């Protein structure tokens, strides 16, 4: 009987010791689940100025309705064509010398601002607090996490959500130079993303191109609408139709 009581006591002790461990495992799992949405980026409805990181999914029925309501405010027009378009019309690439947009005049170029906004575990050029030379980044257009360094610069490119040529065709041709420099460097209009995705997009609107990652297509067109509304640029009727469909 004495041996049996000893065995039972040992078993009870093991269960008591295991319980906190089990509770801790449950707590960690729950914490990771809660952190997951932030890890893949910010819901654009909660990021109206583009300063928060990434591009997260829009999934709830309430948010998808809010997304459609936002897109509904976008006006439509025919494209004015590409005549006269040149990248130089939008100022030097990634200039910090830009007024009226977040992160302008902060002594860092726009590209590095965006990499720092969305990247994790940043590495910088020796002696610089701006120039990003390495990082881990979640690419919303493919849904993949990428290890990036300066030697693979084209692996992650900065996408203009409303491409500059598209802006030109829809009205930016009539703007002054300062406003064109704004839209070219506004974090609301910029997303670090997979280079091949950016190349395949070109200057297409949503009717012709959407991210490969279907989970962010509604988010992508919301961002497109946010830029359109901020700069009072219309989109084509075909683009607006597709934009509304992504958040149905």
Protein backbone atom coordinates (compact mmCIF):
# COMPACT_ATOMS: atom_id res chain seq x y z
CA UNK A 1 0.00 0.00 0.00
CA UNK A 2 2.85 2.34 0.84
CA UNK A 3 4.39 1.81 -2.62
CA UNK A 4 1.05 2.48 -4.30
CA UNK A 5 0.53 5.74 -2.36
CA UNK A 6 4.02 6.85 -3.43
CA UNK A 7 3.23 6.12 -7.07
CA UNK A 8 -0.04 8.05 -6.85
CA UNK A 9 1.67 11.00 -5.24
CA UNK A 10 4.29 11.07 -7.98
CA UNK A 11 1.57 11.05 -10.64
CA UNK A 12 -0.30 13.89 -8.96
CA UNK A 13 2.91 15.90 -8.73
CA UNK A 14 3.59 15.45 -12.45
CA UNK A 15 0.07 16.65 -13.32
CA UNK A 16 0.49 19.71 -11.14
CA UNK A 17 3.82 20.53 -12.76
CA UNK A 18 2.41 19.99 -16.26
CA UNK A 19 -0.62 22.24 -15.79
CA UNK A 20 1.22 25.58 -15.80
CA UNK A 21 3.21 24.45 -18.83
CA UNK A 22 0.02 23.59 -20.67
CA UNK A 23 -1.47 26.92 -19.70
CA UNK A 24 1.65 28.69 -20.92
CA UNK A 25 1.49 26.88 -24.27
CA UNK A 26 -2.14 27.91 -24.66
CA UNK A 27 -1.25 31.49 -23.81
CA UNK A 28 1.58 31.63 -26.35
CA UNK A 29 -0.59 30.17 -29.10
CA UNK A 30 -3.32 32.70 -28.38
CA UNK A 31 -0.80 35.55 -28.37
CA UNK A 32 0.60 34.44 -31.73
CA UNK A 33 -2.89 34.21 -33.23
CA UNK A 34 -3.67 37.74 -32.06
CA UNK A 35 -0.40 39.05 -33.50
CA UNK A 36 -0.86 37.41 -36.90
CA UNK A 37 -3.01 40.16 -38.54
CA UNK A 38 -0.50 42.89 -37.64
CA UNK A 39 2.35 40.79 -39.07
CA UNK A 40 0.82 40.90 -42.56
CA UNK A 41 0.14 44.63 -42.59
CA UNK A 42 -2.45 47.25 -41.77
CA UNK A 43 -6.05 47.34 -42.94
CA UNK A 44 -6.03 50.38 -45.30
CA UNK A 45 -9.30 51.62 -43.81
CA UNK A 46 -7.31 52.12 -40.60
CA UNK A 47 -4.38 53.71 -42.44
CA UNK A 48 -5.75 56.77 -44.27
CA UNK A 49 -2.39 58.54 -44.56
CA UNK A 50 -0.30 55.49 -45.47
CA UNK A 51 2.15 55.84 -42.59
CA UNK A 52 1.33 52.50 -40.96
CA UNK A 53 3.12 49.38 -42.25
CA UNK A 54 2.04 47.08 -45.02
CA UNK A 55 -1.28 46.20 -46.60
CA UNK A 56 -3.45 43.85 -44.55
CA UNK A 57 -6.64 42.06 -45.63
CA UNK A 58 -10.12 43.53 -45.33
CA UNK A 59 -12.29 40.63 -44.26
CA UNK A 60 -15.20 41.57 -42.02
CA UNK A 61 -18.60 42.27 -43.64
CA UNK A 62 -18.66 45.70 -41.97
CA UNK A 63 -15.25 46.65 -43.33
CA UNK A 64 -16.04 45.36 -46.80
CA UNK A 65 -19.18 47.52 -46.86
CA UNK A 66 -17.11 50.50 -45.72
CA UNK A 67 -14.68 49.69 -48.53
CA UNK A 68 -17.46 49.68 -51.14
CA UNK A 69 -18.85 52.95 -49.76
CA UNK A 70 -15.40 54.51 -50.11
CA UNK A 71 -14.91 53.25 -53.66
CA UNK A 72 -18.38 54.51 -54.59
CA UNK A 73 -17.13 58.08 -54.00
CA UNK A 74 -14.49 57.76 -56.72
CA UNK A 75 -15.37 59.58 -59.94
CA UNK A 76 -14.82 58.15 -63.41
CA UNK A 77 -13.50 59.60 -66.67
CA UNK A 78 -11.97 58.55 -69.95
CA UNK A 79 -8.20 58.25 -70.11
CA UNK A 80 -6.46 61.29 -71.55
CA UNK A 81 -3.68 59.21 -73.12
CA UNK A 82 0.07 59.05 -72.51
CA UNK A 83 1.17 61.88 -74.79
CA UNK A 84 3.88 63.95 -73.08
CA UNK A 85 4.37 61.54 -70.17
CA UNK A 86 7.88 61.23 -68.74
CA UNK A 87 8.98 60.00 -65.32
CA UNK A 88 10.93 63.24 -64.87
CA UNK A 89 7.62 65.12 -64.85
CA UNK A 90 7.18 63.75 -61.31
CA UNK A 91 10.51 64.97 -59.98
CA UNK A 92 13.70 63.10 -59.02
CA UNK A 93 12.97 59.49 -57.97
CA UNK A 94 12.47 59.11 -54.21
CA UNK A 95 13.29 62.72 -53.37
CA UNK A 96 13.02 63.83 -49.76
CA UNK A 97 12.48 67.39 -50.98
CA UNK A 98 8.69 67.15 -51.07
CA UNK A 99 6.11 69.28 -49.29
CA UNK A 100 2.67 68.32 -48.05
CA UNK A 101 3.10 64.55 -47.57
CA UNK A 102 4.08 62.48 -44.52
CA UNK A 103 7.81 61.71 -44.23
CA UNK A 104 8.85 64.55 -46.53
CA UNK A 105 11.88 66.58 -45.42
CA UNK A 106 12.91 63.98 -42.81
CA UNK A 107 16.44 63.70 -44.26
CA UNK A 108 15.79 60.20 -45.67
CA UNK A 109 14.88 59.33 -49.25
CA UNK A 110 11.36 58.08 -49.92
CA UNK A 111 12.46 54.55 -50.88
CA UNK A 112 14.30 54.06 -47.60
CA UNK A 113 11.36 55.55 -45.69
CA UNK A 114 9.09 52.89 -47.20
CA UNK A 115 11.49 50.02 -46.56
CA UNK A 116 11.80 51.17 -42.95
CA UNK A 117 8.01 51.49 -42.65
CA UNK A 118 7.27 47.94 -43.80
CA UNK A 119 10.48 46.01 -43.09
CA UNK A 120 11.60 44.17 -39.95
CA UNK A 121 15.08 43.51 -38.56
CA UNK A 122 16.49 46.41 -40.54
CA UNK A 123 20.17 46.70 -41.39
CA UNK A 124 21.59 50.08 -42.38
CA UNK A 125 24.58 51.27 -44.36
CA UNK A 126 27.55 51.99 -42.11
CA UNK A 127 27.29 55.50 -40.75
CA UNK A 128 23.71 55.99 -41.95
CA UNK A 129 20.41 55.87 -40.07
CA UNK A 130 18.48 56.02 -43.37
CA UNK A 131 19.90 53.75 -46.07
CA UNK A 132 18.45 50.26 -45.62
CA UNK A 133 20.79 47.48 -46.78
CA UNK A 134 18.96 44.41 -45.43
CA UNK A 135 15.66 43.40 -43.85
CA UNK A 136 12.87 40.87 -43.60
CA UNK A 137 9.66 42.03 -45.26
CA UNK A 138 6.21 40.60 -45.85
CA UNK A 139 5.15 41.12 -49.46
CA UNK A 140 1.37 41.65 -49.62
CA UNK A 141 1.18 41.08 -53.38
CA UNK A 142 2.38 37.46 -53.14
CA UNK A 143 1.66 36.70 -49.46
CA UNK A 144 5.29 35.67 -48.89
CA UNK A 145 7.92 36.79 -46.39
CA UNK A 146 11.14 37.84 -48.13
CA UNK A 147 14.71 38.09 -46.88
CA UNK A 148 16.07 41.10 -48.76
CA UNK A 149 19.42 42.82 -49.08
CA UNK A 150 20.85 45.61 -51.23
CA UNK A 151 22.55 43.12 -53.56
CA UNK A 152 19.06 41.90 -54.54
CA UNK A 153 17.60 45.37 -54.95
CA UNK A 154 15.06 44.42 -57.63
CA UNK A 155 13.64 41.58 -55.57
CA UNK A 156 11.58 44.16 -53.66
CA UNK A 157 10.47 47.26 -55.56
CA UNK A 158 8.36 50.23 -54.49
CA UNK A 159 5.03 50.09 -56.29
CA UNK A 160 3.07 53.25 -57.02
CA UNK A 161 -0.46 51.98 -56.37
CA UNK A 162 -1.77 54.51 -58.87
CA UNK A 163 1.07 54.29 -61.38
CA UNK A 164 2.56 57.63 -62.40
CA UNK A 165 1.66 57.08 -66.05
CA UNK A 166 -1.91 56.29 -64.97
CA UNK A 167 -1.94 59.52 -62.91
CA UNK A 168 -0.76 61.43 -65.98
CA UNK A 169 -3.49 59.94 -68.18
CA UNK A 170 -6.24 60.66 -65.63
CA UNK A 171 -5.40 64.32 -65.03
CA UNK A 172 -1.91 64.81 -63.55
CA UNK A 173 -0.72 66.09 -66.95
CA UNK A 174 -2.50 69.34 -66.06
CA UNK A 175 -1.00 69.66 -62.57
CA UNK A 176 1.93 71.79 -61.53
CA UNK A 177 5.23 70.02 -60.88
CA UNK A 178 4.96 70.27 -57.08
CA UNK A 179 1.72 68.27 -56.97
CA UNK A 180 3.18 65.58 -59.21
CA UNK A 181 6.18 65.28 -56.90
CA UNK A 182 3.73 64.82 -54.01
CA UNK A 183 1.85 61.88 -55.51
CA UNK A 184 5.14 60.25 -56.56
CA UNK A 185 6.43 60.31 -52.96
CA UNK A 186 3.26 60.05 -50.88
CA UNK A 187 3.42 56.93 -48.63
CA UNK A 188 -0.32 56.47 -49.25
CA UNK A 189 0.52 55.68 -52.87
CA UNK A 190 3.56 53.46 -52.19
CA UNK A 191 3.91 49.78 -51.24
CA UNK A 192 7.16 47.75 -51.20
CA UNK A 193 6.31 44.58 -53.10
CA UNK A 194 7.65 41.72 -55.17
CA UNK A 195 9.62 43.01 -58.13
CA UNK A 196 8.07 40.67 -60.68
CA UNK A 197 4.58 41.65 -59.56
CA UNK A 198 5.44 45.32 -59.92
CA UNK A 199 6.92 44.72 -63.37
CA UNK A 200 3.86 42.78 -64.56
CA UNK A 201 1.58 45.59 -63.38
CA UNK A 202 3.25 48.37 -65.37
CA UNK A 203 0.85 51.31 -65.46
CA UNK A 204 -2.31 49.19 -65.40
CA UNK A 205 -5.44 50.00 -63.44
CA UNK A 206 -7.39 47.38 -61.45
CA UNK A 207 -9.39 46.25 -64.50
CA UNK A 208 -6.16 44.95 -66.05
CA UNK A 209 -4.04 44.00 -63.02
CA UNK A 210 -4.57 42.88 -59.42
CA UNK A 211 -2.12 41.34 -56.91
CA UNK A 212 -1.59 37.60 -57.14
CA UNK A 213 -2.54 37.32 -53.46
CA UNK A 214 -6.33 37.32 -53.57
CA UNK A 215 -6.54 38.04 -49.83
CA UNK A 216 -5.44 41.65 -50.37
CA UNK A 217 -7.28 42.50 -53.56
CA UNK A 218 -10.01 44.40 -51.72
CA UNK A 219 -7.32 46.20 -49.69
CA UNK A 220 -5.39 47.05 -52.84
CA UNK A 221 -8.37 48.67 -54.57
CA UNK A 222 -9.25 50.55 -51.37
CA UNK A 223 -5.74 51.98 -51.40
CA UNK A 224 -6.25 52.85 -55.07
CA UNK A 225 -9.47 54.66 -54.12
CA UNK A 226 -7.81 56.49 -51.23
CA UNK A 227 -5.19 57.92 -53.58
CA UNK A 228 -7.82 58.78 -56.17
CA UNK A 229 -9.91 60.68 -53.63
CA UNK A 230 -6.99 62.46 -51.97
CA UNK A 231 -5.69 63.79 -55.29
CA UNK A 232 -9.08 64.18 -56.95
CA UNK A 233 -8.05 61.93 -59.80
CA UNK A 234 -10.79 59.93 -61.53
CA UNK A 235 -10.43 56.31 -62.60
CA UNK A 236 -11.84 54.65 -65.69
CA UNK A 237 -15.35 53.22 -65.48
CA UNK A 238 -13.93 49.73 -66.07
CA UNK A 239 -11.50 50.16 -63.18
CA UNK A 240 -14.21 51.35 -60.78
CA UNK A 241 -16.43 48.39 -61.66
CA UNK A 242 -13.61 45.95 -60.89
CA UNK A 243 -12.73 47.82 -57.69
CA UNK A 244 -16.26 47.46 -56.33
CA UNK A 245 -16.33 43.77 -57.27
CA UNK A 246 -13.18 43.02 -55.22
CA UNK A 247 -14.94 44.09 -52.01
CA UNK A 248 -18.29 42.44 -52.74
